[in-house]
Amino acid sequence: MFSPLTKALIALALVGSLAACDITPVRTMWALRNVDPMTTAPEAISLAVRVPHGFSPSPDGITLVGTLNATDTLPAETATFMIERNGNTDLPSWMRRASAPLYGYKISEQDLATFRLYQRKAVLAKASKRGGGISVNTQVCRLSDDIPAEILISVFIKTAEISEIVPLFEDQDITEHASRAEIAEMAPLCS
Protein backbone atom coordinates (compact mmCIF):
# COMPACT_ATOMS: atom_id res chain seq x y z
CA MET A 1 0.00 0.00 0.00
CA PHE A 2 1.30 3.44 -0.89
CA SER A 3 1.72 6.20 1.67
CA PRO A 4 -0.56 9.25 1.26
CA LEU A 5 2.32 11.48 0.14
CA THR A 6 3.34 8.88 -2.42
CA LYS A 7 -0.30 8.67 -3.55
CA ALA A 8 -0.26 12.42 -4.04
CA LEU A 9 2.85 12.15 -6.15
CA ILE A 10 1.47 9.18 -8.09
CA ALA A 11 -1.12 11.63 -9.40
CA LEU A 12 1.76 13.22 -11.31
CA ALA A 13 1.97 10.10 -13.42
CA LEU A 14 -1.72 9.30 -13.66
CA VAL A 15 -2.84 12.45 -15.38
CA GLY A 16 -4.87 10.72 -18.07
CA SER A 17 -6.74 8.45 -15.70
CA LEU A 18 -7.57 11.20 -13.22
CA ALA A 19 -7.44 8.72 -10.38
CA ALA A 20 -8.01 11.54 -7.95
CA CYS A 21 -11.09 12.89 -9.74
CA ASP A 22 -12.94 13.51 -6.48
CA ILE A 23 -10.35 16.18 -5.59
CA THR A 24 -9.46 17.29 -9.11
CA PRO A 25 -11.13 20.61 -9.99
CA VAL A 26 -13.73 20.47 -12.75
CA ARG A 27 -11.79 23.05 -14.79
CA THR A 28 -8.78 20.71 -14.67
CA MET A 29 -10.81 17.69 -15.73
CA TRP A 30 -12.09 19.77 -18.66
CA ALA A 31 -8.56 20.91 -19.57
CA LEU A 32 -7.26 17.32 -19.42
CA ARG A 33 -10.07 15.81 -21.49
CA ASN A 34 -7.86 15.66 -24.60
CA VAL A 35 -4.64 14.61 -22.85
CA ASP A 36 -3.51 11.02 -23.27
CA PRO A 37 -0.39 10.33 -21.17
CA MET A 38 0.61 7.62 -23.63
CA THR A 39 0.67 9.95 -26.64
CA THR A 40 1.39 13.42 -25.22
CA ALA A 41 4.79 14.92 -26.00
CA PRO A 42 6.96 14.06 -22.99
CA GLU A 43 9.20 17.10 -23.45
CA ALA A 44 6.13 19.32 -22.96
CA ILE A 45 5.09 17.74 -19.65
CA SER A 46 5.74 20.21 -16.86
CA LEU A 47 4.84 19.53 -13.24
CA ALA A 48 4.91 21.61 -10.11
CA VAL A 49 4.57 20.49 -6.51
CA ARG A 50 3.84 22.82 -3.62
CA VAL A 51 4.82 21.55 -0.17
CA PRO A 52 4.75 23.34 3.17
CA HIS A 53 7.85 24.86 4.77
CA GLY A 54 9.56 22.25 6.88
CA PHE A 55 9.53 19.64 4.09
CA SER A 56 11.96 19.25 1.23
CA PRO A 57 11.74 17.03 -1.86
CA SER A 58 14.93 15.38 -3.07
CA PRO A 59 17.07 17.71 -5.17
CA ASP A 60 17.73 14.70 -7.40
CA GLY A 61 14.11 14.60 -8.57
CA ILE A 62 11.55 11.84 -8.74
CA THR A 63 11.80 8.39 -10.29
CA LEU A 64 8.88 7.34 -12.48
CA VAL A 65 8.59 3.55 -12.94
CA GLY A 66 6.50 2.10 -15.77
CA THR A 67 5.64 -1.61 -15.73
CA LEU A 68 4.03 -3.95 -18.22
CA ASN A 69 2.76 -7.27 -16.86
CA ALA A 70 3.99 -10.62 -18.12
CA THR A 71 1.75 -12.59 -20.48
CA ASP A 72 1.91 -16.17 -21.73
CA THR A 73 4.25 -15.04 -24.51
CA LEU A 74 5.92 -11.89 -23.14
CA PRO A 75 7.99 -11.31 -19.99
CA ALA A 76 7.22 -8.51 -17.55
CA GLU A 77 8.89 -5.22 -18.44
CA THR A 78 10.00 -2.31 -16.29
CA ALA A 79 11.19 1.12 -17.45
CA THR A 80 12.55 3.81 -15.14
CA PHE A 81 12.57 7.53 -15.93
CA MET A 82 13.98 10.48 -14.03
CA ILE A 83 11.66 13.41 -13.46
CA GLU A 84 14.14 16.10 -12.54
CA ARG A 85 13.65 19.28 -10.63
CA ASN A 86 14.05 22.27 -12.88
CA GLY A 87 14.52 25.95 -12.27
CA ASN A 88 11.16 26.81 -13.79
CA THR A 89 10.81 30.51 -13.07
CA ASP A 90 7.76 31.05 -15.26
CA LEU A 91 5.28 29.41 -12.87
CA PRO A 92 2.27 31.71 -12.42
CA SER A 93 2.07 33.85 -9.29
CA TRP A 94 -1.34 32.41 -8.33
CA MET A 95 0.44 29.11 -7.59
CA ARG A 96 2.82 30.65 -5.07
CA ARG A 97 2.18 30.85 -1.34
CA ALA A 98 4.47 32.51 1.18
CA SER A 99 4.16 29.50 3.49
CA ALA A 100 4.87 26.83 0.88
CA PRO A 101 7.78 26.43 -1.54
CA LEU A 102 6.96 25.52 -5.13
CA TYR A 103 9.12 23.04 -7.07
CA GLY A 104 9.01 22.52 -10.84
CA TYR A 105 9.71 19.16 -12.53
CA LYS A 106 10.12 17.75 -16.02
CA ILE A 107 11.19 14.45 -17.57
CA SER A 108 14.98 14.53 -17.87
CA GLU A 109 16.42 15.10 -21.35
CA GLN A 110 18.27 11.77 -21.31
CA ASP A 111 15.03 9.87 -20.57
CA LEU A 112 12.81 11.44 -23.25
CA ALA A 113 13.55 8.78 -25.91
CA THR A 114 13.06 5.97 -23.37
CA PHE A 115 9.77 7.51 -22.25
CA ARG A 116 8.55 7.73 -25.87
CA LEU A 117 9.41 4.05 -26.35
CA TYR A 118 7.51 3.17 -23.17
CA GLN A 119 4.51 5.19 -24.42
CA ARG A 120 4.46 3.17 -27.67
CA LYS A 121 4.73 -0.13 -25.78
CA ALA A 122 2.01 0.92 -23.32
CA VAL A 123 -0.37 1.79 -26.17
CA LEU A 124 0.18 -1.67 -27.67
CA ALA A 125 -0.17 -3.29 -24.24
CA LYS A 126 -3.46 -1.49 -23.65
CA ALA A 127 -4.79 -2.61 -27.03
CA SER A 128 -3.95 -6.23 -26.20
CA LYS A 129 -5.37 -5.86 -22.67
CA ARG A 130 -1.95 -6.49 -21.13
CA GLY A 131 -1.86 -4.98 -17.66
CA GLY A 132 0.67 -2.56 -16.31
CA GLY A 133 0.99 0.68 -14.45
CA ILE A 134 3.02 3.68 -13.47
CA SER A 135 4.29 4.47 -10.00
CA VAL A 136 6.39 7.24 -8.54
CA ASN A 137 9.29 6.87 -6.16
CA THR A 138 10.25 10.04 -4.38
CA GLN A 139 12.22 11.09 -1.37
CA VAL A 140 10.79 13.79 0.84
CA CYS A 141 12.34 14.71 4.16
CA ARG A 142 11.46 16.88 7.14
CA LEU A 143 13.69 19.77 8.13
CA SER A 144 12.76 19.41 11.84
CA ASP A 145 11.35 16.87 14.29
CA ASP A 146 8.03 18.69 14.34
CA ILE A 147 5.17 17.29 12.29
CA PRO A 148 2.64 20.05 11.67
CA ALA A 149 -1.05 19.57 12.42
CA GLU A 150 -1.76 20.40 8.77
CA ILE A 151 0.37 19.44 5.73
CA LEU A 152 -1.08 20.91 2.55
CA ILE A 153 0.18 19.44 -0.73
CA SER A 154 -0.65 20.71 -4.22
CA VAL A 155 0.26 19.25 -7.62
CA PHE A 156 -0.01 21.13 -10.94
CA ILE A 157 0.53 20.01 -14.55
CA LYS A 158 0.95 21.39 -18.06
CA THR A 159 1.17 19.38 -21.28
CA ALA A 160 1.33 20.21 -24.98
CA GLU A 161 -2.47 19.96 -25.15
CA ILE A 162 -3.08 22.45 -22.31
CA SER A 163 -2.45 26.15 -22.83
CA GLU A 164 -1.75 26.89 -19.15
CA ILE A 165 -0.75 24.99 -16.03
CA VAL A 166 -3.70 23.54 -14.07
CA PRO A 167 -4.03 22.01 -10.60
CA LEU A 168 -4.44 18.23 -10.39
CA PHE A 169 -5.29 18.87 -6.78
CA GLU A 170 -4.69 21.78 -4.48
CA ASP A 171 -4.16 22.11 -0.74
CA GLN A 172 -4.92 18.49 0.14
CA ASP A 173 -4.12 17.87 3.79
CA ILE A 174 -1.99 14.73 4.12
CA THR A 175 -2.71 14.57 7.87
CA GLU A 176 -6.31 13.65 7.04
CA HIS A 177 -5.02 10.43 5.46
CA ALA A 178 -1.97 9.48 7.53
CA SER A 179 -1.04 9.25 11.20
CA ARG A 180 1.91 11.18 12.63
CA ALA A 181 3.90 7.92 12.73
CA GLU A 182 3.17 7.24 9.04
CA ILE A 183 4.21 10.79 8.12
CA ALA A 184 7.41 10.43 10.13
CA GLU A 185 8.17 7.20 8.25
CA MET A 186 7.44 8.48 4.75
CA ALA A 187 9.21 11.81 5.37
CA PRO A 188 12.23 11.11 7.59
CA LEU A 189 14.46 13.85 8.92
CA CYS A 190 16.74 15.37 6.30
CA SER A 191 20.40 14.42 6.70
C-alpha atoms as a PDB file:
ATOM      1  CA  MET A   1       0.000   0.000   0.000  1.00  0.00           C
ATOM      2  CA  PHE A   2       1.301   3.443  -0.888  1.00  0.00           C
ATOM      3  CA  SER A   3       1.717   6.201   1.665  1.00  0.00           C
ATOM      4  CA  PRO A   4      -0.563   9.245   1.256  1.00  0.00           C
ATOM      5  CA  LEU A   5       2.321  11.479   0.140  1.00  0.00           C
ATOM      6  CA  THR A   6       3.338   8.876  -2.425  1.00  0.00           C
ATOM      7  CA  LYS A   7      -0.296   8.674  -3.547  1.00  0.00           C
ATOM      8  CA  ALA A   8      -0.256  12.421  -4.039  1.00  0.00           C
ATOM      9  CA  LEU A   9       2.853  12.151  -6.155  1.00  0.00           C
ATOM     10  CA  ILE A  10       1.465   9.176  -8.094  1.00  0.00           C
ATOM     11  CA  ALA A  11      -1.120  11.629  -9.405  1.00  0.00           C
ATOM     12  CA  LEU A  12       1.765  13.217 -11.310  1.00  0.00           C
ATOM     13  CA  ALA A  13       1.969  10.101 -13.424  1.00  0.00           C
ATOM     14  CA  LEU A  14      -1.717   9.299 -13.657  1.00  0.00           C
ATOM     15  CA  VAL A  15      -2.842  12.455 -15.380  1.00  0.00           C
ATOM     16  CA  GLY A  16      -4.868  10.721 -18.074  1.00  0.00           C
ATOM     17  CA  SER A  17      -6.737   8.446 -15.704  1.00  0.00           C
ATOM     18  CA  LEU A  18      -7.568  11.201 -13.218  1.00  0.00           C
ATOM     19  CA  ALA A  19      -7.440   8.715 -10.378  1.00  0.00           C
ATOM     20  CA  ALA A  20      -8.012  11.540  -7.953  1.00  0.00           C
ATOM     21  CA  CYS A  21     -11.093  12.891  -9.741  1.00  0.00           C
ATOM     22  CA  ASP A  22     -12.937  13.510  -6.485  1.00  0.00           C
ATOM     23  CA  ILE A  23     -10.347  16.182  -5.590  1.00  0.00           C
ATOM     24  CA  THR A  24      -9.459  17.294  -9.109  1.00  0.00           C
ATOM     25  CA  PRO A  25     -11.129  20.607  -9.986  1.00  0.00           C
ATOM     26  CA  VAL A  26     -13.728  20.467 -12.750  1.00  0.00           C
ATOM     27  CA  ARG A  27     -11.787  23.053 -14.789  1.00  0.00           C
ATOM     28  CA  THR A  28      -8.776  20.712 -14.667  1.00  0.00           C
ATOM     29  CA  MET A  29     -10.813  17.695 -15.734  1.00  0.00           C
ATOM     30  CA  TRP A  30     -12.091  19.768 -18.656  1.00  0.00           C
ATOM     31  CA  ALA A  31      -8.563  20.915 -19.566  1.00  0.00           C
ATOM     32  CA  LEU A  32      -7.262  17.323 -19.417  1.00  0.00           C
ATOM     33  CA  ARG A  33     -10.068  15.808 -21.492  1.00  0.00           C
ATOM     34  CA  ASN A  34      -7.862  15.663 -24.597  1.00  0.00           C
ATOM     35  CA  VAL A  35      -4.641  14.607 -22.848  1.00  0.00           C
ATOM     36  CA  ASP A  36      -3.509  11.022 -23.269  1.00  0.00           C
ATOM     37  CA  PRO A  37      -0.385  10.325 -21.175  1.00  0.00           C
ATOM     38  CA  MET A  38       0.613   7.616 -23.633  1.00  0.00           C
ATOM     39  CA  THR A  39       0.675   9.954 -26.641  1.00  0.00           C
ATOM     40  CA  THR A  40       1.389  13.415 -25.222  1.00  0.00           C
ATOM     41  CA  ALA A  41       4.789  14.923 -26.000  1.00  0.00           C
ATOM     42  CA  PRO A  42       6.962  14.055 -22.985  1.00  0.00           C
ATOM     43  CA  GLU A  43       9.197  17.105 -23.451  1.00  0.00           C
ATOM     44  CA  ALA A  44       6.128  19.323 -22.959  1.00  0.00           C
ATOM     45  CA  ILE A  45       5.094  17.742 -19.648  1.00  0.00           C
ATOM     46  CA  SER A  46       5.736  20.211 -16.862  1.00  0.00           C
ATOM     47  CA  LEU A  47       4.845  19.534 -13.243  1.00  0.00           C
ATOM     48  CA  ALA A  48       4.910  21.606 -10.106  1.00  0.00           C
ATOM     49  CA  VAL A  49       4.565  20.486  -6.508  1.00  0.00           C
ATOM     50  CA  ARG A  50       3.843  22.820  -3.615  1.00  0.00           C
ATOM     51  CA  VAL A  51       4.816  21.549  -0.174  1.00  0.00           C
ATOM     52  CA  PRO A  52       4.750  23.341   3.172  1.00  0.00           C
ATOM     53  CA  HIS A  53       7.847  24.857   4.774  1.00  0.00           C
ATOM     54  CA  GLY A  54       9.558  22.249   6.880  1.00  0.00           C
ATOM     55  CA  PHE A  55       9.531  19.639   4.094  1.00  0.00           C
ATOM     56  CA  SER A  56      11.957  19.250   1.226  1.00  0.00           C
ATOM     57  CA  PRO A  57      11.742  17.034  -1.865  1.00  0.00           C
ATOM     58  CA  SER A  58      14.935  15.376  -3.069  1.00  0.00           C
ATOM     59  CA  PRO A  59      17.067  17.709  -5.167  1.00  0.00           C
ATOM     60  CA  ASP A  60      17.730  14.695  -7.403  1.00  0.00           C
ATOM     61  CA  GLY A  61      14.113  14.597  -8.568  1.00  0.00           C
ATOM     62  CA  ILE A  62      11.546  11.839  -8.740  1.00  0.00           C
ATOM     63  CA  THR A  63      11.799   8.389 -10.291  1.00  0.00           C
ATOM     64  CA  LEU A  64       8.877   7.336 -12.477  1.00  0.00           C
ATOM     65  CA  VAL A  65       8.586   3.548 -12.939  1.00  0.00           C
ATOM     66  CA  GLY A  66       6.501   2.103 -15.768  1.00  0.00           C
ATOM     67  CA  THR A  67       5.642  -1.605 -15.732  1.00  0.00           C
ATOM     68  CA  LEU A  68       4.027  -3.952 -18.219  1.00  0.00           C
ATOM     69  CA  ASN A  69       2.764  -7.268 -16.859  1.00  0.00           C
ATOM     70  CA  ALA A  70       3.988 -10.624 -18.116  1.00  0.00           C
ATOM     71  CA  THR A  71       1.754 -12.592 -20.477  1.00  0.00           C
ATOM     72  CA  ASP A  72       1.910 -16.174 -21.730  1.00  0.00           C
ATOM     73  CA  THR A  73       4.248 -15.041 -24.512  1.00  0.00           C
ATOM     74  CA  LEU A  74       5.918 -11.885 -23.135  1.00  0.00           C
ATOM     75  CA  PRO A  75       7.995 -11.306 -19.994  1.00  0.00           C
ATOM     76  CA  ALA A  76       7.222  -8.506 -17.546  1.00  0.00           C
ATOM     77  CA  GLU A  77       8.894  -5.216 -18.442  1.00  0.00           C
ATOM     78  CA  THR A  78       9.995  -2.307 -16.286  1.00  0.00           C
ATOM     79  CA  ALA A  79      11.192   1.115 -17.448  1.00  0.00           C
ATOM     80  CA  THR A  80      12.547   3.808 -15.136  1.00  0.00           C
ATOM     81  CA  PHE A  81      12.570   7.534 -15.928  1.00  0.00           C
ATOM     82  CA  MET A  82      13.978  10.476 -14.028  1.00  0.00           C
ATOM     83  CA  ILE A  83      11.662  13.412 -13.457  1.00  0.00           C
ATOM     84  CA  GLU A  84      14.140  16.097 -12.541  1.00  0.00           C
ATOM     85  CA  ARG A  85      13.647  19.277 -10.632  1.00  0.00           C
ATOM     86  CA  ASN A  86      14.045  22.271 -12.884  1.00  0.00           C
ATOM     87  CA  GLY A  87      14.519  25.946 -12.270  1.00  0.00           C
ATOM     88  CA  ASN A  88      11.159  26.814 -13.790  1.00  0.00           C
ATOM     89  CA  THR A  89      10.806  30.511 -13.067  1.00  0.00           C
ATOM     90  CA  ASP A  90       7.759  31.048 -15.260  1.00  0.00           C
ATOM     91  CA  LEU A  91       5.280  29.408 -12.872  1.00  0.00           C
ATOM     92  CA  PRO A  92       2.270  31.712 -12.422  1.00  0.00           C
ATOM     93  CA  SER A  93       2.074  33.850  -9.293  1.00  0.00           C
ATOM     94  CA  TRP A  94      -1.342  32.405  -8.327  1.00  0.00           C
ATOM     95  CA  MET A  95       0.437  29.106  -7.587  1.00  0.00           C
ATOM     96  CA  ARG A  96       2.816  30.654  -5.074  1.00  0.00           C
ATOM     97  CA  ARG A  97       2.182  30.848  -1.342  1.00  0.00           C
ATOM     98  CA  ALA A  98       4.470  32.506   1.183  1.00  0.00           C
ATOM     99  CA  SER A  99       4.159  29.501   3.488  1.00  0.00           C
ATOM    100  CA  ALA A 100       4.870  26.833   0.877  1.00  0.00           C
ATOM    101  CA  PRO A 101       7.783  26.433  -1.543  1.00  0.00           C
ATOM    102  CA  LEU A 102       6.958  25.517  -5.130  1.00  0.00           C
ATOM    103  CA  TYR A 103       9.121  23.043  -7.069  1.00  0.00           C
ATOM    104  CA  GLY A 104       9.006  22.520 -10.836  1.00  0.00           C
ATOM    105  CA  TYR A 105       9.711  19.163 -12.527  1.00  0.00           C
ATOM    106  CA  LYS A 106      10.124  17.751 -16.025  1.00  0.00           C
ATOM    107  CA  ILE A 107      11.191  14.454 -17.574  1.00  0.00           C
ATOM    108  CA  SER A 108      14.978  14.530 -17.871  1.00  0.00           C
ATOM    109  CA  GLU A 109      16.415  15.097 -21.348  1.00  0.00           C
ATOM    110  CA  GLN A 110      18.275  11.767 -21.314  1.00  0.00           C
ATOM    111  CA  ASP A 111      15.035   9.866 -20.573  1.00  0.00           C
ATOM    112  CA  LEU A 112      12.811  11.437 -23.250  1.00  0.00           C
ATOM    113  CA  ALA A 113      13.547   8.776 -25.907  1.00  0.00           C
ATOM    114  CA  THR A 114      13.063   5.966 -23.374  1.00  0.00           C
ATOM    115  CA  PHE A 115       9.771   7.514 -22.254  1.00  0.00           C
ATOM    116  CA  ARG A 116       8.552   7.730 -25.873  1.00  0.00           C
ATOM    117  CA  LEU A 117       9.409   4.049 -26.348  1.00  0.00           C
ATOM    118  CA  TYR A 118       7.511   3.167 -23.166  1.00  0.00           C
ATOM    119  CA  GLN A 119       4.513   5.194 -24.422  1.00  0.00           C
ATOM    120  CA  ARG A 120       4.456   3.167 -27.665  1.00  0.00           C
ATOM    121  CA  LYS A 121       4.733  -0.134 -25.777  1.00  0.00           C
ATOM    122  CA  ALA A 122       2.007   0.923 -23.323  1.00  0.00           C
ATOM    123  CA  VAL A 123      -0.372   1.789 -26.173  1.00  0.00           C
ATOM    124  CA  LEU A 124       0.178  -1.673 -27.674  1.00  0.00           C
ATOM    125  CA  ALA A 125      -0.175  -3.295 -24.237  1.00  0.00           C
ATOM    126  CA  LYS A 126      -3.460  -1.490 -23.648  1.00  0.00           C
ATOM    127  CA  ALA A 127      -4.792  -2.612 -27.027  1.00  0.00           C
ATOM    128  CA  SER A 128      -3.945  -6.228 -26.197  1.00  0.00           C
ATOM    129  CA  LYS A 129      -5.374  -5.860 -22.665  1.00  0.00           C
ATOM    130  CA  ARG A 130      -1.952  -6.487 -21.127  1.00  0.00           C
ATOM    131  CA  GLY A 131      -1.861  -4.977 -17.660  1.00  0.00           C
ATOM    132  CA  GLY A 132       0.665  -2.556 -16.314  1.00  0.00           C
ATOM    133  CA  GLY A 133       0.992   0.678 -14.453  1.00  0.00           C
ATOM    134  CA  ILE A 134       3.018   3.679 -13.468  1.00  0.00           C
ATOM    135  CA  SER A 135       4.288   4.468 -10.000  1.00  0.00           C
ATOM    136  CA  VAL A 136       6.388   7.243  -8.538  1.00  0.00           C
ATOM    137  CA  ASN A 137       9.293   6.868  -6.158  1.00  0.00           C
ATOM    138  CA  THR A 138      10.249  10.036  -4.379  1.00  0.00           C
ATOM    139  CA  GLN A 139      12.223  11.086  -1.372  1.00  0.00           C
ATOM    140  CA  VAL A 140      10.785  13.789   0.843  1.00  0.00           C
ATOM    141  CA  CYS A 141      12.342  14.708   4.156  1.00  0.00           C
ATOM    142  CA  ARG A 142      11.456  16.880   7.137  1.00  0.00           C
ATOM    143  CA  LEU A 143      13.688  19.765   8.134  1.00  0.00           C
ATOM    144  CA  SER A 144      12.756  19.406  11.836  1.00  0.00           C
ATOM    145  CA  ASP A 145      11.349  16.867  14.289  1.00  0.00           C
ATOM    146  CA  ASP A 146       8.033  18.690  14.340  1.00  0.00           C
ATOM    147  CA  ILE A 147       5.174  17.290  12.291  1.00  0.00           C
ATOM    148  CA  PRO A 148       2.639  20.050  11.672  1.00  0.00           C
ATOM    149  CA  ALA A 149      -1.050  19.569  12.418  1.00  0.00           C
ATOM    150  CA  GLU A 150      -1.760  20.399   8.767  1.00  0.00           C
ATOM    151  CA  ILE A 151       0.370  19.443   5.733  1.00  0.00           C
ATOM    152  CA  LEU A 152      -1.083  20.910   2.547  1.00  0.00           C
ATOM    153  CA  ILE A 153       0.185  19.437  -0.727  1.00  0.00           C
ATOM    154  CA  SER A 154      -0.647  20.713  -4.225  1.00  0.00           C
ATOM    155  CA  VAL A 155       0.256  19.246  -7.623  1.00  0.00           C
ATOM    156  CA  PHE A 156      -0.006  21.125 -10.940  1.00  0.00           C
ATOM    157  CA  ILE A 157       0.528  20.010 -14.554  1.00  0.00           C
ATOM    158  CA  LYS A 158       0.946  21.393 -18.057  1.00  0.00           C
ATOM    159  CA  THR A 159       1.175  19.376 -21.283  1.00  0.00           C
ATOM    160  CA  ALA A 160       1.334  20.205 -24.979  1.00  0.00           C
ATOM    161  CA  GLU A 161      -2.472  19.959 -25.147  1.00  0.00           C
ATOM    162  CA  ILE A 162      -3.081  22.449 -22.306  1.00  0.00           C
ATOM    163  CA  SER A 163      -2.454  26.153 -22.827  1.00  0.00           C
ATOM    164  CA  GLU A 164      -1.749  26.888 -19.146  1.00  0.00           C
ATOM    165  CA  ILE A 165      -0.747  24.991 -16.030  1.00  0.00           C
ATOM    166  CA  VAL A 166      -3.698  23.539 -14.074  1.00  0.00           C
ATOM    167  CA  PRO A 167      -4.028  22.006 -10.600  1.00  0.00           C
ATOM    168  CA  LEU A 168      -4.440  18.227 -10.392  1.00  0.00           C
ATOM    169  CA  PHE A 169      -5.294  18.875  -6.784  1.00  0.00           C
ATOM    170  CA  GLU A 170      -4.688  21.783  -4.477  1.00  0.00           C
ATOM    171  CA  ASP A 171      -4.156  22.109  -0.737  1.00  0.00           C
ATOM    172  CA  GLN A 172      -4.917  18.495   0.137  1.00  0.00           C
ATOM    173  CA  ASP A 173      -4.121  17.868   3.791  1.00  0.00           C
ATOM    174  CA  ILE A 174      -1.994  14.733   4.119  1.00  0.00           C
ATOM    175  CA  THR A 175      -2.711  14.575   7.870  1.00  0.00           C
ATOM    176  CA  GLU A 176      -6.308  13.648   7.038  1.00  0.00           C
ATOM    177  CA  HIS A 177      -5.023  10.429   5.458  1.00  0.00           C
ATOM    178  CA  ALA A 178      -1.967   9.477   7.534  1.00  0.00           C
ATOM    179  CA  SER A 179      -1.036   9.247  11.202  1.00  0.00           C
ATOM    180  CA  ARG A 180       1.908  11.179  12.634  1.00  0.00           C
ATOM    181  CA  ALA A 181       3.896   7.919  12.735  1.00  0.00           C
ATOM    182  CA  GLU A 182       3.165   7.241   9.038  1.00  0.00           C
ATOM    183  CA  ILE A 183       4.205  10.789   8.116  1.00  0.00           C
ATOM    184  CA  ALA A 184       7.414  10.432  10.127  1.00  0.00           C
ATOM    185  CA  GLU A 185       8.165   7.197   8.250  1.00  0.00           C
ATOM    186  CA  MET A 186       7.445   8.481   4.746  1.00  0.00           C
ATOM    187  CA  ALA A 187       9.209  11.811   5.370  1.00  0.00           C
ATOM    188  CA  PRO A 188      12.228  11.106   7.594  1.00  0.00           C
ATOM    189  CA  LEU A 189      14.464  13.850   8.924  1.00  0.00           C
ATOM    190  CA  CYS A 190      16.743  15.365   6.299  1.00  0.00           C
ATOM    191  CA  SER A 191      20.396  14.422   6.699  1.00  0.00           C
END
